[in-house]
């Protein structure tokens, strides 16, 4: 790959000495530590290869039970509450954060495996939403729109994702970080770093 560019947000601090930025081919970001080419033949081999645990996984019906109790929302205590999949509610020093909000089934095929402990409308005064990456099971338009209707949060995410989400949420304030960068000016003295 001859034409590699290294991208980062020049407005944010880099916390790893010598880090030039996220490698980018001109079309997409890539992880320099992974050798996977993304070729269709590798994908096809993976899909058609023998999977010794496939039957066991398909037969697994165990699910976590959900405690339907929104008392955590009225507390002042620091806490972390699992909302399902990669979605968490966190309160640290009075600052309220939600990660990767996906509150609904993504399609008829991709279902949620757990209920929410509260209604989405109960989530008020959220300061920040952290989006780890732009895959649909972490960056869901419906969930983000519903959350934004009740909260004018700031989005903290990776490079090139803020523009996408801003199209869904007009007026959205956001910061995009490259790997090993620290988001700036967060409430409550919070320090959040975007890591690979």
N, C-alpha and C. Protein backbone atom coordinates (compact mmCIF):
# COMPACT_ATOMS: atom_id res chain seq x y z
N UNK A 1 0.85 -1.18 0.00
CA UNK A 1 0.00 0.00 0.00
C UNK A 1 0.89 1.23 0.00
N UNK A 2 1.05 1.81 -1.16
CA UNK A 2 1.99 2.90 -1.32
C UNK A 2 1.46 4.24 -0.85
N UNK A 3 0.18 4.52 -1.06
CA UNK A 3 -0.36 5.84 -0.78
C UNK A 3 -1.10 5.90 0.55
N UNK A 4 -0.45 5.50 1.60
CA UNK A 4 -1.08 5.51 2.92
C UNK A 4 -1.00 6.92 3.49
N UNK A 5 -2.15 7.41 3.98
CA UNK A 5 -2.19 8.67 4.70
C UNK A 5 -2.44 8.34 6.16
N UNK A 6 -2.03 9.23 7.03
CA UNK A 6 -2.25 9.05 8.46
C UNK A 6 -3.12 10.20 8.94
N UNK A 7 -4.32 9.87 9.40
CA UNK A 7 -5.30 10.88 9.75
C UNK A 7 -5.55 10.92 11.25
N UNK A 8 -5.77 12.12 11.76
CA UNK A 8 -6.13 12.33 13.15
C UNK A 8 -6.83 13.67 13.24
N UNK A 9 -7.38 14.00 14.37
CA UNK A 9 -8.00 15.29 14.61
C UNK A 9 -6.92 16.20 15.18
N UNK A 10 -6.49 17.18 14.40
CA UNK A 10 -5.40 18.07 14.84
C UNK A 10 -5.77 18.94 16.02
N UNK A 11 -7.07 19.01 16.37
CA UNK A 11 -7.51 19.81 17.52
C UNK A 11 -7.40 19.04 18.84
N UNK A 12 -7.16 17.72 18.76
CA UNK A 12 -7.11 16.90 19.97
C UNK A 12 -5.69 16.42 20.24
N UNK A 13 -5.40 16.22 21.52
CA UNK A 13 -4.08 15.71 21.93
C UNK A 13 -3.95 14.24 21.59
N UNK A 14 -2.73 13.86 21.19
CA UNK A 14 -2.37 12.46 20.98
C UNK A 14 -1.65 12.00 22.23
N UNK A 15 -2.05 10.86 22.78
CA UNK A 15 -1.50 10.40 24.05
C UNK A 15 -0.41 9.34 23.89
N UNK A 16 -0.15 8.90 22.65
CA UNK A 16 0.88 7.89 22.40
C UNK A 16 2.03 8.55 21.64
N UNK A 17 3.19 8.60 22.27
CA UNK A 17 4.34 9.23 21.63
C UNK A 17 4.62 8.61 20.28
N UNK A 18 4.80 9.45 19.27
CA UNK A 18 5.16 8.99 17.94
C UNK A 18 4.00 8.54 17.07
N UNK A 19 2.77 8.55 17.61
CA UNK A 19 1.62 8.11 16.80
C UNK A 19 1.32 9.15 15.74
N UNK A 20 1.36 8.75 14.47
CA UNK A 20 1.14 9.67 13.34
C UNK A 20 -0.34 9.84 13.01
N UNK A 21 -1.15 8.88 13.36
CA UNK A 21 -2.57 8.93 13.05
C UNK A 21 -3.06 7.59 12.54
N UNK A 22 -4.37 7.52 12.28
CA UNK A 22 -4.97 6.28 11.79
C UNK A 22 -4.59 6.08 10.33
N UNK A 23 -4.07 4.91 9.96
CA UNK A 23 -3.72 4.66 8.56
C UNK A 23 -4.97 4.61 7.68
N UNK A 24 -4.88 5.24 6.52
CA UNK A 24 -6.02 5.36 5.61
C UNK A 24 -5.52 5.18 4.18
N UNK A 25 -6.24 4.37 3.41
CA UNK A 25 -5.82 4.07 2.03
C UNK A 25 -6.25 5.13 1.03
N UNK A 26 -7.04 6.09 1.47
CA UNK A 26 -7.66 7.03 0.56
C UNK A 26 -9.13 6.69 0.37
N UNK A 27 -9.48 5.43 0.68
CA UNK A 27 -10.88 4.97 0.61
C UNK A 27 -11.39 4.52 1.97
N UNK A 28 -10.51 3.94 2.79
CA UNK A 28 -10.96 3.42 4.07
C UNK A 28 -9.80 3.36 5.06
N UNK A 29 -10.19 3.31 6.35
CA UNK A 29 -9.22 3.09 7.41
C UNK A 29 -8.89 1.61 7.48
N UNK A 30 -7.72 1.27 8.01
CA UNK A 30 -7.39 -0.14 8.21
C UNK A 30 -6.51 -0.26 9.44
N UNK A 31 -6.51 -1.45 10.00
CA UNK A 31 -5.69 -1.76 11.18
C UNK A 31 -4.37 -2.34 10.68
N UNK A 32 -3.26 -1.65 10.89
CA UNK A 32 -1.98 -2.14 10.38
C UNK A 32 -1.51 -3.43 11.05
N UNK A 33 -2.15 -3.81 12.14
CA UNK A 33 -1.74 -5.02 12.86
C UNK A 33 -2.53 -6.26 12.43
N UNK A 34 -3.48 -6.08 11.51
CA UNK A 34 -4.27 -7.21 11.03
C UNK A 34 -3.95 -7.45 9.57
N UNK A 35 -3.77 -8.70 9.22
CA UNK A 35 -3.38 -9.05 7.86
C UNK A 35 -4.56 -9.37 6.95
N UNK A 36 -5.79 -9.41 7.50
CA UNK A 36 -6.95 -9.78 6.70
C UNK A 36 -7.14 -8.82 5.54
N UNK A 37 -7.27 -9.34 4.34
CA UNK A 37 -7.36 -8.50 3.15
C UNK A 37 -8.78 -8.04 2.86
N UNK A 38 -9.77 -8.69 3.44
CA UNK A 38 -11.14 -8.34 3.15
C UNK A 38 -11.63 -8.89 1.82
N UNK A 39 -10.93 -9.88 1.30
CA UNK A 39 -11.30 -10.42 -0.01
C UNK A 39 -12.55 -11.28 0.11
N UNK A 40 -13.30 -11.36 -1.00
CA UNK A 40 -14.52 -12.17 -1.01
C UNK A 40 -14.18 -13.64 -0.81
N UNK A 41 -13.06 -14.12 -1.37
CA UNK A 41 -12.71 -15.54 -1.24
C UNK A 41 -12.47 -15.91 0.22
N UNK A 42 -11.84 -15.03 0.98
CA UNK A 42 -11.64 -15.31 2.41
C UNK A 42 -12.97 -15.31 3.15
N UNK A 43 -13.83 -14.37 2.81
CA UNK A 43 -15.15 -14.33 3.43
C UNK A 43 -15.92 -15.61 3.11
N UNK A 44 -15.90 -16.06 1.86
CA UNK A 44 -16.62 -17.27 1.44
C UNK A 44 -16.07 -18.50 2.16
N UNK A 45 -14.74 -18.60 2.27
CA UNK A 45 -14.14 -19.74 3.00
C UNK A 45 -14.60 -19.74 4.45
N UNK A 46 -14.64 -18.57 5.05
CA UNK A 46 -15.07 -18.47 6.44
C UNK A 46 -16.53 -18.90 6.57
N UNK A 47 -17.39 -18.47 5.65
CA UNK A 47 -18.82 -18.80 5.70
C UNK A 47 -19.08 -20.29 5.47
N UNK A 48 -18.29 -20.91 4.62
CA UNK A 48 -18.56 -22.30 4.25
C UNK A 48 -17.69 -23.31 4.99
N UNK A 49 -16.79 -22.84 5.82
CA UNK A 49 -15.92 -23.78 6.55
C UNK A 49 -16.69 -24.46 7.68
N UNK A 50 -16.13 -25.57 8.17
CA UNK A 50 -16.73 -26.31 9.28
C UNK A 50 -16.61 -25.46 10.56
N UNK A 51 -17.71 -25.34 11.25
CA UNK A 51 -17.75 -24.58 12.50
C UNK A 51 -18.16 -25.53 13.61
N UNK A 52 -17.20 -26.02 14.38
CA UNK A 52 -17.50 -27.06 15.37
C UNK A 52 -18.49 -26.63 16.46
N UNK A 53 -18.63 -25.34 16.73
CA UNK A 53 -19.53 -24.88 17.80
C UNK A 53 -20.87 -24.35 17.27
N UNK A 54 -21.10 -24.43 15.97
CA UNK A 54 -22.30 -23.84 15.37
C UNK A 54 -23.59 -24.40 15.97
N UNK A 55 -23.70 -25.72 16.08
CA UNK A 55 -24.93 -26.32 16.62
C UNK A 55 -25.13 -25.91 18.08
N UNK A 56 -24.04 -25.93 18.83
CA UNK A 56 -24.12 -25.55 20.24
C UNK A 56 -24.59 -24.09 20.39
N UNK A 57 -24.05 -23.19 19.58
CA UNK A 57 -24.45 -21.78 19.64
C UNK A 57 -25.91 -21.61 19.25
N UNK A 58 -26.34 -22.30 18.22
CA UNK A 58 -27.72 -22.18 17.76
C UNK A 58 -28.70 -22.70 18.82
N UNK A 59 -28.31 -23.73 19.54
CA UNK A 59 -29.17 -24.33 20.55
C UNK A 59 -29.18 -23.55 21.87
N UNK A 60 -28.25 -22.63 22.04
CA UNK A 60 -28.14 -21.87 23.28
C UNK A 60 -29.27 -20.86 23.38
N UNK A 61 -30.15 -21.04 24.33
CA UNK A 61 -31.28 -20.13 24.50
C UNK A 61 -31.17 -19.32 25.79
N UNK A 62 -30.07 -19.47 26.52
CA UNK A 62 -29.91 -18.73 27.78
C UNK A 62 -29.80 -17.24 27.51
N UNK A 63 -30.49 -16.43 28.28
CA UNK A 63 -30.45 -14.98 28.18
C UNK A 63 -30.42 -14.40 29.59
N UNK A 64 -29.75 -13.28 29.72
CA UNK A 64 -29.78 -12.56 30.99
C UNK A 64 -31.18 -12.04 31.24
N UNK A 65 -31.61 -12.08 32.48
CA UNK A 65 -32.91 -11.49 32.79
C UNK A 65 -32.68 -10.00 33.08
N UNK A 66 -33.67 -9.20 32.76
CA UNK A 66 -33.58 -7.76 32.93
C UNK A 66 -34.37 -7.33 34.15
N UNK A 67 -33.75 -6.50 34.98
CA UNK A 67 -34.44 -5.92 36.11
C UNK A 67 -35.03 -4.60 35.63
N UNK A 68 -36.36 -4.54 35.56
CA UNK A 68 -37.04 -3.32 35.10
C UNK A 68 -37.16 -2.36 36.29
N UNK A 69 -36.11 -1.55 36.47
CA UNK A 69 -36.08 -0.63 37.60
C UNK A 69 -35.26 0.58 37.18
N UNK A 70 -35.90 1.72 37.05
CA UNK A 70 -35.21 2.92 36.61
C UNK A 70 -34.73 3.80 37.76
N UNK A 71 -34.63 3.23 38.95
CA UNK A 71 -34.18 4.00 40.12
C UNK A 71 -32.77 4.57 39.90
N UNK A 72 -31.96 3.88 39.12
CA UNK A 72 -30.59 4.37 38.87
C UNK A 72 -30.60 5.75 38.23
N UNK A 73 -31.67 6.09 37.51
CA UNK A 73 -31.74 7.38 36.84
C UNK A 73 -31.99 8.53 37.82
N UNK A 74 -32.53 8.23 38.99
CA UNK A 74 -32.82 9.26 39.98
C UNK A 74 -31.74 9.39 41.04
N UNK A 75 -30.74 8.56 40.98
CA UNK A 75 -29.66 8.57 41.95
C UNK A 75 -28.61 9.61 41.56
N UNK A 76 -27.76 9.96 42.49
CA UNK A 76 -26.62 10.84 42.22
C UNK A 76 -25.31 10.04 42.25
N UNK A 77 -25.42 8.77 42.62
CA UNK A 77 -24.25 7.90 42.73
C UNK A 77 -23.64 7.60 41.37
N UNK A 78 -22.31 7.43 41.34
CA UNK A 78 -21.66 6.94 40.13
C UNK A 78 -22.17 5.53 39.87
N UNK A 79 -22.40 5.20 38.61
CA UNK A 79 -22.89 3.86 38.30
C UNK A 79 -22.64 3.53 36.84
N UNK A 80 -22.79 2.25 36.55
CA UNK A 80 -22.79 1.77 35.18
C UNK A 80 -23.91 0.73 35.07
N UNK A 81 -24.76 0.88 34.05
CA UNK A 81 -25.92 0.01 33.88
C UNK A 81 -25.91 -0.49 32.44
N UNK A 82 -25.99 -1.79 32.29
CA UNK A 82 -26.02 -2.39 30.96
C UNK A 82 -27.41 -2.22 30.38
N UNK A 83 -27.50 -1.67 29.16
CA UNK A 83 -28.77 -1.46 28.48
C UNK A 83 -29.02 -2.50 27.39
N UNK A 84 -28.07 -3.40 27.18
CA UNK A 84 -28.18 -4.41 26.14
C UNK A 84 -27.09 -4.24 25.10
N UNK A 85 -26.62 -5.35 24.54
CA UNK A 85 -25.56 -5.39 23.52
C UNK A 85 -24.37 -4.56 24.00
N UNK A 86 -23.98 -3.54 23.26
CA UNK A 86 -22.83 -2.71 23.65
C UNK A 86 -23.28 -1.39 24.27
N UNK A 87 -24.56 -1.28 24.61
CA UNK A 87 -25.12 -0.05 25.16
C UNK A 87 -25.06 -0.06 26.68
N UNK A 88 -24.40 0.96 27.21
CA UNK A 88 -24.30 1.14 28.66
C UNK A 88 -24.68 2.57 29.02
N UNK A 89 -25.29 2.72 30.18
CA UNK A 89 -25.51 4.03 30.79
C UNK A 89 -24.47 4.16 31.88
N UNK A 90 -23.76 5.30 31.91
CA UNK A 90 -22.76 5.53 32.95
C UNK A 90 -22.98 6.92 33.54
N UNK A 91 -22.78 7.01 34.84
CA UNK A 91 -22.74 8.32 35.50
C UNK A 91 -21.45 8.38 36.29
N UNK A 92 -20.64 9.40 35.98
CA UNK A 92 -19.37 9.61 36.67
C UNK A 92 -19.28 11.08 37.04
N UNK A 93 -19.15 11.37 38.33
CA UNK A 93 -19.10 12.76 38.81
C UNK A 93 -20.27 13.59 38.30
N UNK A 94 -21.45 12.97 38.21
CA UNK A 94 -22.65 13.67 37.77
C UNK A 94 -22.80 13.77 36.26
N UNK A 95 -21.80 13.34 35.50
CA UNK A 95 -21.85 13.38 34.04
C UNK A 95 -22.49 12.09 33.55
N UNK A 96 -23.51 12.21 32.68
CA UNK A 96 -24.24 11.04 32.18
C UNK A 96 -23.82 10.72 30.75
N UNK A 97 -23.49 9.45 30.53
CA UNK A 97 -22.94 8.99 29.25
C UNK A 97 -23.69 7.73 28.82
N UNK A 98 -23.92 7.60 27.52
CA UNK A 98 -24.44 6.36 26.95
C UNK A 98 -23.51 5.92 25.84
N UNK A 99 -23.20 4.64 25.82
CA UNK A 99 -22.33 4.10 24.77
C UNK A 99 -23.17 3.35 23.73
N UNK A 100 -22.78 3.48 22.47
CA UNK A 100 -23.32 2.72 21.35
C UNK A 100 -24.81 2.39 21.49
N UNK A 101 -25.69 3.43 21.49
CA UNK A 101 -27.11 3.16 21.75
C UNK A 101 -27.78 2.38 20.62
N UNK A 102 -28.21 1.18 20.95
CA UNK A 102 -29.04 0.36 20.07
C UNK A 102 -30.15 -0.19 20.97
N UNK A 103 -31.32 0.41 20.86
CA UNK A 103 -32.41 0.12 21.78
C UNK A 103 -33.49 -0.79 21.20
N UNK A 104 -33.37 -1.14 19.93
CA UNK A 104 -34.42 -1.90 19.25
C UNK A 104 -33.80 -3.02 18.42
N UNK A 105 -34.65 -3.92 17.92
CA UNK A 105 -34.20 -4.89 16.94
C UNK A 105 -33.68 -4.11 15.73
N UNK A 106 -32.61 -4.60 15.13
CA UNK A 106 -32.05 -3.91 13.96
C UNK A 106 -32.74 -4.33 12.68
N UNK A 107 -33.34 -5.49 12.69
CA UNK A 107 -34.08 -5.98 11.52
C UNK A 107 -34.86 -7.21 11.98
N UNK A 108 -35.56 -7.82 11.04
CA UNK A 108 -36.26 -9.06 11.37
C UNK A 108 -35.29 -10.18 11.69
N UNK A 109 -34.05 -10.04 11.26
CA UNK A 109 -33.03 -11.08 11.47
C UNK A 109 -32.20 -10.81 12.72
N UNK A 110 -31.81 -9.55 12.92
CA UNK A 110 -30.94 -9.19 14.05
C UNK A 110 -31.81 -8.65 15.18
N UNK A 111 -32.04 -9.50 16.18
CA UNK A 111 -32.92 -9.18 17.30
C UNK A 111 -32.12 -8.81 18.54
N UNK A 112 -32.71 -7.97 19.38
CA UNK A 112 -32.15 -7.73 20.71
C UNK A 112 -32.39 -8.99 21.54
N UNK A 113 -31.47 -9.30 22.42
CA UNK A 113 -31.62 -10.48 23.27
C UNK A 113 -32.01 -10.11 24.69
N UNK A 114 -32.19 -8.82 24.95
CA UNK A 114 -32.58 -8.42 26.30
C UNK A 114 -33.44 -7.16 26.22
N UNK A 115 -34.29 -7.01 27.21
CA UNK A 115 -35.10 -5.80 27.31
C UNK A 115 -34.26 -4.67 27.88
N UNK A 116 -34.71 -3.45 27.69
CA UNK A 116 -34.11 -2.30 28.34
C UNK A 116 -34.59 -2.27 29.79
N UNK A 117 -33.77 -1.81 30.73
CA UNK A 117 -34.22 -1.69 32.12
C UNK A 117 -35.17 -0.51 32.33
N UNK A 118 -35.28 0.36 31.33
CA UNK A 118 -36.17 1.52 31.40
C UNK A 118 -36.61 1.85 29.97
N UNK A 119 -37.50 2.80 29.83
CA UNK A 119 -37.90 3.26 28.51
C UNK A 119 -36.87 4.26 28.00
N UNK A 120 -36.72 4.37 26.70
CA UNK A 120 -35.79 5.34 26.12
C UNK A 120 -36.18 6.75 26.55
N UNK A 121 -37.48 7.02 26.64
CA UNK A 121 -37.95 8.35 27.06
C UNK A 121 -37.53 8.70 28.49
N UNK A 122 -37.17 7.69 29.30
CA UNK A 122 -36.71 7.94 30.67
C UNK A 122 -35.28 8.46 30.71
N UNK A 123 -34.54 8.31 29.63
CA UNK A 123 -33.14 8.73 29.58
C UNK A 123 -33.08 10.22 29.29
N UNK A 124 -32.89 11.01 30.34
CA UNK A 124 -32.92 12.48 30.25
C UNK A 124 -31.57 13.06 30.69
N UNK A 125 -31.28 14.24 30.17
CA UNK A 125 -30.08 15.00 30.54
C UNK A 125 -28.79 14.24 30.28
N UNK A 126 -28.77 13.48 29.20
CA UNK A 126 -27.55 12.76 28.82
C UNK A 126 -26.55 13.78 28.28
N UNK A 127 -25.34 13.76 28.81
CA UNK A 127 -24.31 14.72 28.40
C UNK A 127 -23.56 14.28 27.15
N UNK A 128 -23.20 12.98 27.10
CA UNK A 128 -22.38 12.48 26.01
C UNK A 128 -22.89 11.13 25.52
N UNK A 129 -22.80 10.92 24.22
CA UNK A 129 -22.99 9.60 23.64
C UNK A 129 -21.66 9.23 23.01
N UNK A 130 -21.15 8.06 23.38
CA UNK A 130 -19.90 7.55 22.81
C UNK A 130 -20.26 6.52 21.75
N UNK A 131 -19.78 6.72 20.54
CA UNK A 131 -19.94 5.73 19.48
C UNK A 131 -18.57 5.14 19.18
N UNK A 132 -18.44 3.85 19.41
CA UNK A 132 -17.15 3.20 19.21
C UNK A 132 -16.78 3.10 17.74
N UNK A 133 -17.78 2.87 16.88
CA UNK A 133 -17.54 2.77 15.44
C UNK A 133 -18.88 2.83 14.71
N UNK A 134 -18.83 2.84 13.39
CA UNK A 134 -20.03 3.10 12.61
C UNK A 134 -20.82 1.89 12.14
N UNK A 135 -20.53 0.69 12.66
CA UNK A 135 -21.33 -0.47 12.25
C UNK A 135 -22.75 -0.35 12.81
N UNK A 136 -23.69 -0.87 12.08
CA UNK A 136 -25.11 -0.70 12.39
C UNK A 136 -25.49 -1.20 13.78
N UNK A 137 -24.79 -2.22 14.29
CA UNK A 137 -25.14 -2.72 15.62
C UNK A 137 -24.50 -1.90 16.74
N UNK A 138 -23.88 -0.77 16.41
CA UNK A 138 -23.33 0.15 17.40
C UNK A 138 -23.77 1.59 17.11
N UNK A 139 -24.22 1.85 15.91
CA UNK A 139 -24.57 3.19 15.46
C UNK A 139 -25.93 3.11 14.77
N UNK A 140 -26.98 3.11 15.58
CA UNK A 140 -28.34 2.91 15.07
C UNK A 140 -29.07 4.25 14.97
N UNK A 141 -29.47 4.60 13.76
CA UNK A 141 -30.13 5.90 13.51
C UNK A 141 -31.38 6.07 14.36
N UNK A 142 -32.25 5.06 14.41
CA UNK A 142 -33.51 5.19 15.16
C UNK A 142 -33.24 5.47 16.64
N UNK A 143 -32.33 4.72 17.23
CA UNK A 143 -32.02 4.91 18.65
C UNK A 143 -31.40 6.28 18.90
N UNK A 144 -30.49 6.70 18.04
CA UNK A 144 -29.84 8.00 18.21
C UNK A 144 -30.86 9.13 18.07
N UNK A 145 -31.75 9.03 17.08
CA UNK A 145 -32.76 10.08 16.88
C UNK A 145 -33.69 10.18 18.08
N UNK A 146 -34.12 9.05 18.60
CA UNK A 146 -35.03 9.08 19.75
C UNK A 146 -34.33 9.64 20.99
N UNK A 147 -33.09 9.26 21.19
CA UNK A 147 -32.33 9.76 22.33
C UNK A 147 -32.08 11.26 22.19
N UNK A 148 -31.78 11.71 20.97
CA UNK A 148 -31.48 13.13 20.73
C UNK A 148 -32.73 14.01 20.88
N UNK A 149 -33.89 13.45 20.63
CA UNK A 149 -35.13 14.22 20.78
C UNK A 149 -35.33 14.70 22.21
N UNK A 150 -34.82 13.94 23.17
CA UNK A 150 -34.98 14.28 24.59
C UNK A 150 -33.69 14.80 25.24
N UNK A 151 -32.59 14.79 24.49
CA UNK A 151 -31.29 15.16 25.06
C UNK A 151 -30.47 15.84 23.97
N UNK A 152 -29.90 16.96 24.26
CA UNK A 152 -29.00 17.60 23.30
C UNK A 152 -27.56 17.25 23.70
N UNK A 153 -27.26 15.97 23.62
CA UNK A 153 -25.95 15.45 24.01
C UNK A 153 -24.88 15.86 23.00
N UNK A 154 -23.63 15.73 23.42
CA UNK A 154 -22.49 15.86 22.52
C UNK A 154 -22.03 14.45 22.16
N UNK A 155 -21.76 14.23 20.89
CA UNK A 155 -21.31 12.93 20.41
C UNK A 155 -19.79 12.87 20.43
N UNK A 156 -19.25 11.80 21.00
CA UNK A 156 -17.80 11.53 21.00
C UNK A 156 -17.61 10.26 20.19
N UNK A 157 -16.85 10.35 19.10
CA UNK A 157 -16.77 9.22 18.19
C UNK A 157 -15.44 9.23 17.44
N UNK A 158 -15.32 8.32 16.49
CA UNK A 158 -14.12 8.20 15.68
C UNK A 158 -14.19 9.05 14.42
N UNK A 159 -13.08 9.11 13.73
CA UNK A 159 -12.97 9.91 12.51
C UNK A 159 -14.02 9.52 11.48
N UNK A 160 -14.60 10.51 10.83
CA UNK A 160 -15.56 10.37 9.73
C UNK A 160 -16.92 9.81 10.14
N UNK A 161 -17.21 9.74 11.42
CA UNK A 161 -18.53 9.25 11.84
C UNK A 161 -19.45 10.40 12.23
N UNK A 162 -18.89 11.48 12.74
CA UNK A 162 -19.70 12.63 13.15
C UNK A 162 -20.55 13.20 12.03
N UNK A 163 -19.97 13.32 10.83
CA UNK A 163 -20.72 13.83 9.68
C UNK A 163 -21.92 12.96 9.36
N UNK A 164 -21.74 11.66 9.41
CA UNK A 164 -22.83 10.73 9.14
C UNK A 164 -23.97 10.96 10.13
N UNK A 165 -23.65 10.99 11.41
CA UNK A 165 -24.67 11.12 12.45
C UNK A 165 -25.29 12.52 12.43
N UNK A 166 -24.50 13.53 12.09
CA UNK A 166 -25.03 14.90 12.02
C UNK A 166 -26.14 15.01 10.97
N UNK A 167 -26.06 14.22 9.91
CA UNK A 167 -27.12 14.20 8.91
C UNK A 167 -28.44 13.72 9.51
N UNK A 168 -28.38 12.84 10.51
CA UNK A 168 -29.58 12.34 11.16
C UNK A 168 -30.07 13.28 12.26
N UNK A 169 -29.12 14.00 12.89
CA UNK A 169 -29.41 14.82 14.07
C UNK A 169 -28.94 16.26 13.82
N UNK A 170 -29.73 17.05 13.12
CA UNK A 170 -29.31 18.42 12.80
C UNK A 170 -28.95 19.22 14.06
N UNK A 171 -27.86 19.97 13.98
CA UNK A 171 -27.41 20.78 15.11
C UNK A 171 -26.55 20.01 16.10
N UNK A 172 -26.28 18.74 15.83
CA UNK A 172 -25.48 17.92 16.73
C UNK A 172 -24.09 18.50 16.92
N UNK A 173 -23.66 18.57 18.17
CA UNK A 173 -22.29 18.94 18.50
C UNK A 173 -21.51 17.64 18.65
N UNK A 174 -20.33 17.55 18.02
CA UNK A 174 -19.57 16.31 18.11
C UNK A 174 -18.06 16.56 18.02
N UNK A 175 -17.34 15.58 18.56
CA UNK A 175 -15.89 15.53 18.44
C UNK A 175 -15.53 14.18 17.83
N UNK A 176 -14.66 14.21 16.82
CA UNK A 176 -14.14 12.99 16.22
C UNK A 176 -12.68 12.85 16.61
N UNK A 177 -12.30 11.66 17.04
CA UNK A 177 -10.92 11.42 17.44
C UNK A 177 -10.35 10.27 16.63
N UNK A 178 -9.05 10.33 16.41
CA UNK A 178 -8.33 9.18 15.88
C UNK A 178 -7.87 8.33 17.06
N UNK A 179 -7.30 7.18 16.75
CA UNK A 179 -6.78 6.34 17.82
C UNK A 179 -5.77 7.10 18.65
N UNK A 180 -5.75 6.83 19.94
CA UNK A 180 -4.81 7.41 20.90
C UNK A 180 -4.98 8.92 21.03
N UNK A 181 -6.22 9.41 20.85
CA UNK A 181 -6.47 10.82 21.05
C UNK A 181 -7.43 11.01 22.22
N UNK A 182 -7.29 12.17 22.89
CA UNK A 182 -8.12 12.51 24.04
C UNK A 182 -9.13 13.57 23.64
N UNK A 183 -10.41 13.32 23.95
CA UNK A 183 -11.45 14.31 23.69
C UNK A 183 -11.20 15.53 24.57
N UNK A 184 -11.60 16.70 24.09
CA UNK A 184 -11.27 17.96 24.77
C UNK A 184 -12.48 18.57 25.48
N UNK A 185 -12.19 19.26 26.60
CA UNK A 185 -13.17 20.11 27.27
C UNK A 185 -14.39 19.41 27.82
N UNK A 186 -14.23 18.21 28.34
CA UNK A 186 -15.39 17.46 28.86
C UNK A 186 -15.80 17.95 30.24
N UNK A 187 -17.09 17.83 30.53
CA UNK A 187 -17.64 18.24 31.82
C UNK A 187 -17.06 17.41 32.96
N UNK A 188 -17.08 17.97 34.15
CA UNK A 188 -16.70 17.24 35.35
C UNK A 188 -15.26 16.79 35.38
N UNK A 189 -14.39 17.40 34.57
CA UNK A 189 -12.99 17.01 34.54
C UNK A 189 -12.75 15.63 33.95
N UNK A 190 -13.75 15.11 33.26
CA UNK A 190 -13.65 13.77 32.67
C UNK A 190 -12.57 13.73 31.60
N UNK A 191 -11.86 12.62 31.54
CA UNK A 191 -10.88 12.38 30.49
C UNK A 191 -11.27 11.10 29.78
N UNK A 192 -11.53 11.21 28.48
CA UNK A 192 -11.93 10.04 27.69
C UNK A 192 -10.98 9.96 26.50
N UNK A 193 -10.47 8.76 26.26
CA UNK A 193 -9.52 8.52 25.19
C UNK A 193 -10.13 7.55 24.18
N UNK A 194 -9.84 7.79 22.91
CA UNK A 194 -10.31 6.90 21.84
C UNK A 194 -9.19 5.95 21.50
N UNK A 195 -9.39 4.67 21.78
CA UNK A 195 -8.35 3.67 21.61
C UNK A 195 -8.76 2.61 20.60
N UNK A 196 -7.78 1.97 19.95
CA UNK A 196 -8.13 0.90 18.99
C UNK A 196 -8.73 -0.30 19.71
